[in-house]
C-alpha atoms as a PDB file:
ATOM      1  CA  MET A   1     -21.350  55.703 -64.459  1.00  0.00           C
ATOM      2  CA  GLU A   2     -24.471  53.712 -62.584  1.00  0.00           C
ATOM      3  CA  THR A   3     -22.486  50.632 -62.957  1.00  0.00           C
ATOM      4  CA  LYS A   4     -19.321  52.390 -61.504  1.00  0.00           C
ATOM      5  CA  PHE A   5     -21.294  53.476 -58.478  1.00  0.00           C
ATOM      6  CA  PHE A   6     -22.830  50.135 -58.029  1.00  0.00           C
ATOM      7  CA  LEU A   7     -19.616  48.261 -58.127  1.00  0.00           C
ATOM      8  CA  ASN A   8     -17.965  50.616 -55.551  1.00  0.00           C
ATOM      9  CA  PHE A   9     -21.063  50.345 -53.229  1.00  0.00           C
ATOM     10  CA  SER A  10     -20.878  46.828 -53.448  1.00  0.00           C
ATOM     11  CA  LEU A  11     -17.075  46.592 -52.582  1.00  0.00           C
ATOM     12  CA  LYS A  12     -17.557  48.767 -49.510  1.00  0.00           C
ATOM     13  CA  PHE A  13     -20.594  46.860 -48.299  1.00  0.00           C
ATOM     14  CA  SER A  14     -18.597  43.655 -48.790  1.00  0.00           C
ATOM     15  CA  PHE A  15     -15.530  45.169 -47.085  1.00  0.00           C
ATOM     16  CA  VAL A  16     -17.972  46.310 -43.961  1.00  0.00           C
ATOM     17  CA  PHE A  17     -19.650  42.949 -44.082  1.00  0.00           C
ATOM     18  CA  PHE A  18     -16.448  41.090 -43.678  1.00  0.00           C
ATOM     19  CA  PHE A  19     -15.013  43.493 -41.046  1.00  0.00           C
ATOM     20  CA  ILE A  20     -18.271  42.886 -39.002  1.00  0.00           C
ATOM     21  CA  PHE A  21     -18.150  39.182 -39.605  1.00  0.00           C
ATOM     22  CA  LYS A  22     -14.451  38.930 -38.862  1.00  0.00           C
ATOM     23  CA  ASN A  23     -14.915  41.086 -35.435  1.00  0.00           C
ATOM     24  CA  THR A  24     -17.825  38.904 -34.484  1.00  0.00           C
ATOM     25  CA  ILE A  25     -15.801  35.471 -35.093  1.00  0.00           C
ATOM     26  CA  ALA A  26     -12.865  37.047 -33.197  1.00  0.00           C
ATOM     27  CA  SER A  27     -14.776  38.227 -30.161  1.00  0.00           C
ATOM     28  CA  SER A  28     -16.055  35.069 -29.015  1.00  0.00           C
ATOM     29  CA  ILE A  29     -14.822  31.212 -28.741  1.00  0.00           C
ATOM     30  CA  THR A  30     -17.745  28.704 -29.132  1.00  0.00           C
ATOM     31  CA  GLY A  31     -18.380  25.795 -27.128  1.00  0.00           C
ATOM     32  CA  TYR A  32     -17.288  23.472 -30.365  1.00  0.00           C
ATOM     33  CA  GLU A  33     -13.788  25.210 -30.203  1.00  0.00           C
ATOM     34  CA  LEU A  34     -13.590  24.611 -26.302  1.00  0.00           C
ATOM     35  CA  LYS A  35     -14.352  21.071 -27.137  1.00  0.00           C
ATOM     36  CA  ILE A  36     -11.432  20.497 -29.399  1.00  0.00           C
ATOM     37  CA  LEU A  37      -9.069  22.354 -27.375  1.00  0.00           C
ATOM     38  CA  ILE A  38      -9.900  20.182 -24.284  1.00  0.00           C
ATOM     39  CA  GLU A  39      -9.954  17.074 -26.224  1.00  0.00           C
ATOM     40  CA  ASP A  40      -6.382  17.844 -27.976  1.00  0.00           C
ATOM     41  CA  TRP A  41      -4.946  18.529 -24.429  1.00  0.00           C
ATOM     42  CA  LEU A  42      -6.380  15.324 -22.777  1.00  0.00           C
ATOM     43  CA  LYS A  43      -5.015  13.224 -25.748  1.00  0.00           C
ATOM     44  CA  LYS A  44      -1.671  14.706 -25.725  1.00  0.00           C
ATOM     45  CA  ASN A  45      -1.454  13.961 -21.908  1.00  0.00           C
ATOM     46  CA  GLY A  46      -2.331  10.175 -22.750  1.00  0.00           C
ATOM     47  CA  ASN A  47      -5.951  10.546 -21.231  1.00  0.00           C
ATOM     48  CA  GLN A  48      -9.385   9.468 -22.740  1.00  0.00           C
ATOM     49  CA  ALA A  49     -11.776  12.414 -23.921  1.00  0.00           C
ATOM     50  CA  ASN A  50     -15.496  12.105 -23.550  1.00  0.00           C
ATOM     51  CA  ILE A  51     -16.976  15.496 -23.034  1.00  0.00           C
ATOM     52  CA  THR A  52     -19.928  17.204 -24.066  1.00  0.00           C
ATOM     53  CA  ILE A  53     -20.195  21.156 -24.681  1.00  0.00           C
ATOM     54  CA  LEU A  54     -23.134  22.979 -26.163  1.00  0.00           C
ATOM     55  CA  LYS A  55     -21.784  24.161 -29.766  1.00  0.00           C
ATOM     56  CA  ASP A  56     -23.897  27.632 -29.390  1.00  0.00           C
ATOM     57  CA  LEU A  57     -21.919  28.246 -25.802  1.00  0.00           C
ATOM     58  CA  LYS A  58     -19.816  31.454 -26.416  1.00  0.00           C
ATOM     59  CA  TYR A  59     -17.060  32.975 -24.081  1.00  0.00           C
ATOM     60  CA  PRO A  60     -14.821  35.914 -24.900  1.00  0.00           C
ATOM     61  CA  ALA A  61     -12.419  35.486 -27.405  1.00  0.00           C
ATOM     62  CA  CYS A  62      -8.892  34.506 -25.921  1.00  0.00           C
ATOM     63  CA  LYS A  63      -5.641  34.063 -27.572  1.00  0.00           C
ATOM     64  CA  HIS A  64      -4.390  30.427 -27.155  1.00  0.00           C
ATOM     65  CA  SER A  65      -1.209  31.682 -25.169  1.00  0.00           C
ATOM     66  CA  ASN A  66      -3.465  32.856 -22.606  1.00  0.00           C
ATOM     67  CA  ILE A  67      -5.702  29.617 -22.453  1.00  0.00           C
ATOM     68  CA  PHE A  68      -4.708  27.403 -19.729  1.00  0.00           C
ATOM     69  CA  ILE A  69      -6.125  23.903 -19.204  1.00  0.00           C
ATOM     70  CA  ASN A  70      -5.992  22.022 -15.891  1.00  0.00           C
ATOM     71  CA  ASP A  71      -7.139  18.714 -14.441  1.00  0.00           C
ATOM     72  CA  ILE A  72      -8.668  19.829 -11.221  1.00  0.00           C
ATOM     73  CA  SER A  73      -9.744  16.332 -10.129  1.00  0.00           C
ATOM     74  CA  GLY A  74      -6.447  14.619 -10.241  1.00  0.00           C
ATOM     75  CA  ASN A  75      -7.960  11.944 -12.341  1.00  0.00           C
ATOM     76  CA  SER A  76      -8.945  13.475 -15.606  1.00  0.00           C
ATOM     77  CA  LYS A  77     -12.615  13.664 -14.804  1.00  0.00           C
ATOM     78  CA  LEU A  78     -12.979  17.400 -14.235  1.00  0.00           C
ATOM     79  CA  ILE A  79     -11.315  19.796 -16.600  1.00  0.00           C
ATOM     80  CA  LYS A  80     -10.806  23.486 -15.918  1.00  0.00           C
ATOM     81  CA  VAL A  81     -10.237  26.112 -18.871  1.00  0.00           C
ATOM     82  CA  ASN A  82      -9.020  29.345 -17.688  1.00  0.00           C
ATOM     83  CA  CYS A  83      -8.481  32.470 -19.913  1.00  0.00           C
ATOM     84  CA  VAL A  84      -6.206  35.228 -18.375  1.00  0.00           C
ATOM     85  CA  GLY A  85      -6.735  37.727 -21.359  1.00  0.00           C
ATOM     86  CA  GLU A  86      -8.524  41.141 -21.436  1.00  0.00           C
ATOM     87  CA  ASN A  87     -11.758  39.548 -20.663  1.00  0.00           C
ATOM     88  CA  PRO A  88     -10.958  36.768 -18.236  1.00  0.00           C
ATOM     89  CA  TRP A  89     -13.157  33.725 -17.862  1.00  0.00           C
ATOM     90  CA  GLN A  90     -13.178  30.311 -16.774  1.00  0.00           C
ATOM     91  CA  PHE A  91     -15.073  27.123 -17.537  1.00  0.00           C
ATOM     92  CA  ILE A  92     -15.312  23.729 -16.356  1.00  0.00           C
ATOM     93  CA  VAL A  93     -16.369  20.455 -17.841  1.00  0.00           C
ATOM     94  CA  ARG A  94     -16.775  16.983 -16.714  1.00  0.00           C
ATOM     95  CA  ASN A  95     -14.841  13.926 -18.738  1.00  0.00           C
ATOM     96  CA  LYS A  96     -16.895  11.026 -18.593  1.00  0.00           C
ATOM     97  CA  LEU A  97     -14.305   8.414 -18.623  1.00  0.00           C
ATOM     98  CA  ASN A  98     -15.479   4.998 -19.956  1.00  0.00           C
ATOM     99  CA  ILE A  99     -13.561   2.925 -17.593  1.00  0.00           C
ATOM    100  CA  LYS A 100     -15.165  -0.183 -16.424  1.00  0.00           C
ATOM    101  CA  LYS A 101     -15.411  -0.791 -12.819  1.00  0.00           C
ATOM    102  CA  GLN A 102     -13.258  -3.744 -11.855  1.00  0.00           C
ATOM    103  CA  GLU A 103     -15.113  -6.637 -10.537  1.00  0.00           C
ATOM    104  CA  ILE A 104     -14.927  -6.973  -6.762  1.00  0.00           C
ATOM    105  CA  LYS A 105     -12.896 -10.255  -6.438  1.00  0.00           C
ATOM    106  CA  LYS A 106     -14.764 -12.810  -3.960  1.00  0.00           C
ATOM    107  CA  GLN A 107     -13.061 -13.025  -0.860  1.00  0.00           C
ATOM    108  CA  GLU A 108     -11.426 -16.497  -0.536  1.00  0.00           C
ATOM    109  CA  MET A 109     -12.033 -18.481   2.723  1.00  0.00           C
ATOM    110  CA  SER A 110      -9.200 -19.298   4.647  1.00  0.00           C
ATOM    111  CA  LYS A 111      -8.415 -21.973   7.048  1.00  0.00           C
ATOM    112  CA  PHE A 112      -6.925 -21.510  10.498  1.00  0.00           C
ATOM    113  CA  TYR A 113      -6.821 -23.451  13.821  1.00  0.00           C
ATOM    114  CA  ALA A 114      -8.654 -22.841  17.089  1.00  0.00           C
ATOM    115  CA  LEU A 115      -9.216 -24.986  20.378  1.00  0.00           C
ATOM    116  CA  LYS A 116     -12.391 -27.193  20.877  1.00  0.00           C
ATOM    117  CA  ASN A 117     -12.362 -26.462  24.315  1.00  0.00           C
ATOM    118  CA  TYR A 118     -11.243 -24.114  27.016  1.00  0.00           C
ATOM    119  CA  LYS A 119      -7.425 -24.830  28.216  1.00  0.00           C
ATOM    120  CA  ASP A 120      -5.410 -23.156  30.874  1.00  0.00           C
ATOM    121  CA  LYS A 121      -2.078 -21.373  30.497  1.00  0.00           C
ATOM    122  CA  GLY A 122       0.732 -23.951  30.334  1.00  0.00           C
ATOM    123  CA  SER A 123      -1.424 -26.760  28.884  1.00  0.00           C
ATOM    124  CA  ILE A 124       0.074 -28.934  26.005  1.00  0.00           C
ATOM    125  CA  ILE A 125      -1.959 -28.910  22.832  1.00  0.00           C
ATOM    126  CA  PHE A 126      -2.585 -32.203  21.066  1.00  0.00           C
ATOM    127  CA  GLU A 127      -3.796 -32.928  17.549  1.00  0.00           C
ATOM    128  CA  GLU A 128      -7.213 -33.762  18.946  1.00  0.00           C
ATOM    129  CA  ASP A 129      -7.718 -30.429  20.747  1.00  0.00           C
ATOM    130  CA  LEU A 130      -7.801 -28.546  17.450  1.00  0.00           C
ATOM    131  CA  VAL A 131     -10.752 -27.445  15.111  1.00  0.00           C
ATOM    132  CA  ILE A 132     -10.614 -25.877  11.597  1.00  0.00           C
ATOM    133  CA  ILE A 133     -12.310 -22.625  11.327  1.00  0.00           C
ATOM    134  CA  LYS A 134     -12.650 -20.983   7.846  1.00  0.00           C
ATOM    135  CA  THR A 135     -12.855 -17.245   7.738  1.00  0.00           C
ATOM    136  CA  LYS A 136     -12.290 -14.208   5.783  1.00  0.00           C
ATOM    137  CA  ASN A 137     -10.073 -11.204   6.004  1.00  0.00           C
ATOM    138  CA  ARG A 138      -7.597 -12.694   8.141  1.00  0.00           C
ATOM    139  CA  ILE A 139      -3.961 -11.923   7.925  1.00  0.00           C
ATOM    140  CA  LYS A 140      -1.908 -15.282   7.566  1.00  0.00           C
ATOM    141  CA  ASN A 141       0.995 -14.219   9.410  1.00  0.00           C
ATOM    142  CA  LYS A 142      -1.036 -13.245  12.603  1.00  0.00           C
ATOM    143  CA  PHE A 143      -3.093 -16.530  12.858  1.00  0.00           C
ATOM    144  CA  ILE A 144      -1.806 -19.957  12.584  1.00  0.00           C
ATOM    145  CA  SER A 145      -2.839 -22.111   9.461  1.00  0.00           C
ATOM    146  CA  ASP A 146      -0.382 -24.998  10.095  1.00  0.00           C
ATOM    147  CA  LYS A 147      -1.267 -27.417  12.889  1.00  0.00           C
ATOM    148  CA  LEU A 148       2.395 -28.657  12.897  1.00  0.00           C
ATOM    149  CA  ALA A 149       3.304 -25.384  14.285  1.00  0.00           C
ATOM    150  CA  ILE A 150       0.822 -25.929  17.187  1.00  0.00           C
ATOM    151  CA  ILE A 151       1.106 -29.578  18.093  1.00  0.00           C
ATOM    152  CA  GLY A 152       2.977 -30.100  21.197  1.00  0.00           C
ATOM    153  CA  LYS A 153       3.506 -26.543  22.254  1.00  0.00           C
ATOM    154  CA  LYS A 154       2.455 -25.062  25.466  1.00  0.00           C
ATOM    155  CA  LEU A 155       0.023 -22.126  25.891  1.00  0.00           C
ATOM    156  CA  LYS A 156       1.403 -18.923  26.989  1.00  0.00           C
ATOM    157  CA  LYS A 157      -1.836 -17.844  28.488  1.00  0.00           C
ATOM    158  CA  SER A 158      -5.432 -19.438  28.685  1.00  0.00           C
ATOM    159  CA  VAL A 159      -7.281 -19.707  25.434  1.00  0.00           C
ATOM    160  CA  LYS A 160     -11.161 -19.836  24.820  1.00  0.00           C
ATOM    161  CA  PRO A 161     -12.867 -22.295  22.669  1.00  0.00           C
ATOM    162  CA  ASN A 162     -13.204 -21.331  19.087  1.00  0.00           C
ATOM    163  CA  GLN A 163     -10.637 -18.593  19.306  1.00  0.00           C
ATOM    164  CA  LEU A 164      -8.447 -18.390  16.457  1.00  0.00           C
ATOM    165  CA  LEU A 165      -4.872 -19.281  17.635  1.00  0.00           C
ATOM    166  CA  ARG A 166      -1.938 -16.853  17.419  1.00  0.00           C
ATOM    167  CA  TYR A 167       1.658 -17.528  17.615  1.00  0.00           C
ATOM    168  CA  SER A 168       1.661 -15.057  20.525  1.00  0.00           C
ATOM    169  CA  ASN A 169      -0.478 -17.540  22.436  1.00  0.00           C
ATOM    170  CA  LEU A 170       2.037 -20.079  22.327  1.00  0.00           C
ATOM    171  CA  GLU A 171       5.365 -20.592  24.384  1.00  0.00           C
ATOM    172  CA  ASN A 172       8.536 -20.177  22.397  1.00  0.00           C
ATOM    173  CA  ASP A 173      10.515 -22.943  21.146  1.00  0.00           C
ATOM    174  CA  TRP A 174      13.618 -21.823  22.930  1.00  0.00           C
ATOM    175  CA  LEU A 175      16.736 -23.200  21.611  1.00  0.00           C
ATOM    176  CA  ILE A 176      18.038 -23.254  25.156  1.00  0.00           C
ATOM    177  CA  GLU A 177      15.632 -23.610  28.028  1.00  0.00           C
ATOM    178  CA  LYS A 178      15.875 -22.352  31.400  1.00  0.00           C
ATOM    179  CA  ASN A 179      17.332 -24.704  34.025  1.00  0.00           C
ATOM    180  CA  SER A 180      18.992 -26.855  31.045  1.00  0.00           C
ATOM    181  CA  LEU A 181      22.332 -28.111  31.494  1.00  0.00           C
ATOM    182  CA  VAL A 182      24.709 -26.875  28.969  1.00  0.00           C
ATOM    183  CA  THR A 183      28.500 -26.869  28.357  1.00  0.00           C
ATOM    184  CA  ILE A 184      30.232 -23.684  28.615  1.00  0.00           C
ATOM    185  CA  VAL A 185      32.880 -23.323  26.011  1.00  0.00           C
ATOM    186  CA  ASN A 186      35.508 -20.653  26.385  1.00  0.00           C
ATOM    187  CA  ASN A 187      38.330 -20.757  23.580  1.00  0.00           C
ATOM    188  CA  LYS A 188      41.526 -18.811  24.750  1.00  0.00           C
ATOM    189  CA  GLY A 189      44.020 -18.947  21.991  1.00  0.00           C
ATOM    190  CA  PHE A 190      44.850 -22.642  21.377  1.00  0.00           C
ATOM    191  CA  ILE A 191      43.300 -23.718  24.569  1.00  0.00           C
ATOM    192  CA  THR A 192      39.811 -24.596  25.062  1.00  0.00           C
ATOM    193  CA  ILE A 193      38.197 -24.963  28.508  1.00  0.00           C
ATOM    194  CA  LYS A 194      34.870 -26.696  29.033  1.00  0.00           C
ATOM    195  CA  GLU A 195      32.803 -26.661  32.016  1.00  0.00           C
ATOM    196  CA  GLU A 196      29.391 -27.652  33.119  1.00  0.00           C
ATOM    197  CA  GLY A 197      26.737 -25.009  33.306  1.00  0.00           C
ATOM    198  CA  LEU A 198      23.017 -24.259  34.234  1.00  0.00           C
ATOM    199  CA  ALA A 199      21.001 -22.214  32.135  1.00  0.00           C
ATOM    200  CA  MET A 200      19.572 -19.242  34.169  1.00  0.00           C
ATOM    201  CA  ASN A 201      16.974 -17.922  31.315  1.00  0.00           C
ATOM    202  CA  ASP A 202      15.531 -19.141  28.139  1.00  0.00           C
ATOM    203  CA  ALA A 203      17.507 -18.136  24.859  1.00  0.00           C
ATOM    204  CA  ASN A 204      17.340 -18.722  20.990  1.00  0.00           C
ATOM    205  CA  PHE A 205      20.409 -18.959  18.671  1.00  0.00           C
ATOM    206  CA  MET A 206      23.159 -16.399  19.609  1.00  0.00           C
ATOM    207  CA  ASP A 207      21.011 -14.818  22.116  1.00  0.00           C
ATOM    208  CA  THR A 208      22.638 -13.713  25.475  1.00  0.00           C
ATOM    209  CA  ILE A 209      22.091 -16.080  28.348  1.00  0.00           C
ATOM    210  CA  LYS A 210      23.197 -16.328  31.824  1.00  0.00           C
ATOM    211  CA  VAL A 211      24.802 -19.445  32.821  1.00  0.00           C
ATOM    212  CA  LYS A 212      25.742 -20.711  36.243  1.00  0.00           C
ATOM    213  CA  ASN A 213      29.039 -22.514  36.659  1.00  0.00           C
ATOM    214  CA  VAL A 214      27.966 -25.679  38.329  1.00  0.00           C
ATOM    215  CA  LYS A 215      31.470 -26.214  39.768  1.00  0.00           C
ATOM    216  CA  SER A 216      32.288 -22.825  41.080  1.00  0.00           C
ATOM    217  CA  GLY A 217      28.680 -21.286  41.302  1.00  0.00           C
ATOM    218  CA  LYS A 218      29.834 -18.270  39.562  1.00  0.00           C
ATOM    219  CA  ILE A 219      27.352 -16.771  37.029  1.00  0.00           C
ATOM    220  CA  ILE A 220      28.504 -15.650  33.732  1.00  0.00           C
ATOM    221  CA  VAL A 221      26.985 -14.315  30.367  1.00  0.00           C
ATOM    222  CA  GLY A 222      27.418 -16.083  27.174  1.00  0.00           C
ATOM    223  CA  TYR A 223      25.714 -16.750  23.949  1.00  0.00           C
ATOM    224  CA  ALA A 224      23.409 -19.671  23.003  1.00  0.00           C
ATOM    225  CA  LYS A 225      25.214 -21.703  20.229  1.00  0.00           C
ATOM    226  CA  ASN A 226      23.140 -24.872  20.289  1.00  0.00           C
ATOM    227  CA  LYS A 227      20.897 -26.876  22.509  1.00  0.00           C
ATOM    228  CA  LYS A 228      23.737 -28.006  24.700  1.00  0.00           C
ATOM    229  CA  LYS A 229      26.469 -25.353  24.114  1.00  0.00           C
ATOM    230  CA  VAL A 230      27.298 -21.706  25.363  1.00  0.00           C
ATOM    231  CA  ILE A 231      30.067 -19.741  23.980  1.00  0.00           C
ATOM    232  CA  LEU A 232      31.585 -16.790  25.741  1.00  0.00           C
ATOM    233  CA  ASN A 233      32.880 -15.143  22.647  1.00  0.00           C
ATOM    234  CA  THR A 234      30.720 -14.439  19.524  1.00  0.00           C
ATOM    235  CA  LYS A 235      33.938 -15.280  17.399  1.00  0.00           C
ATOM    236  CA  GLN A 236      34.180 -18.774  18.680  1.00  0.00           C
ATOM    237  CA  ASN A 237      33.197 -21.338  16.305  1.00  0.00           C
END
């Protein structure tokens, strides 16, 4: 009889202990469990995981379907865990990424050209006028690194010594220059009419150009075909 009583008591005590223990476990989520959840989430999203959470940390239990994990930093460095269950809570942890900082490349020195001495607008630049200046952080398309693009050119405006030369400092290499004698070509069907003309403005290839007919004095508009030829129709050869 005593044995039976003791057995029944033990079973009841075990059941009560199991029930209390089960409820205790189910009533919270630990820091260790949070760590596993976050690490799995990071790995599934192709990110490194290096987080530290106290194992003894506890939050109210939350169904997995009610747990949402988000990257609130945009670079996987700050992760937010949000529970939207009956006992809502949120938790933010830092993900210490072991990404080595890229070494800052040493800026290469570039060579550009400047004038040794002051030169006035309209002056022609000769090789002996030039000096090389080495510098950093310069846009190659802005300053001139090819001396052949400078020698023989005229200055569009006055330039001080040691001032890096820009293409905008130089007068354009016009295909046809103002006041140049040109041939005006007008193709009419099978007939080609050629007359002598005087360029009234500068023009590059296929730019519009005003030309004064030397014989008639009439000013017409054509297109610069080459250094000596102005055509009146863009379809002309």
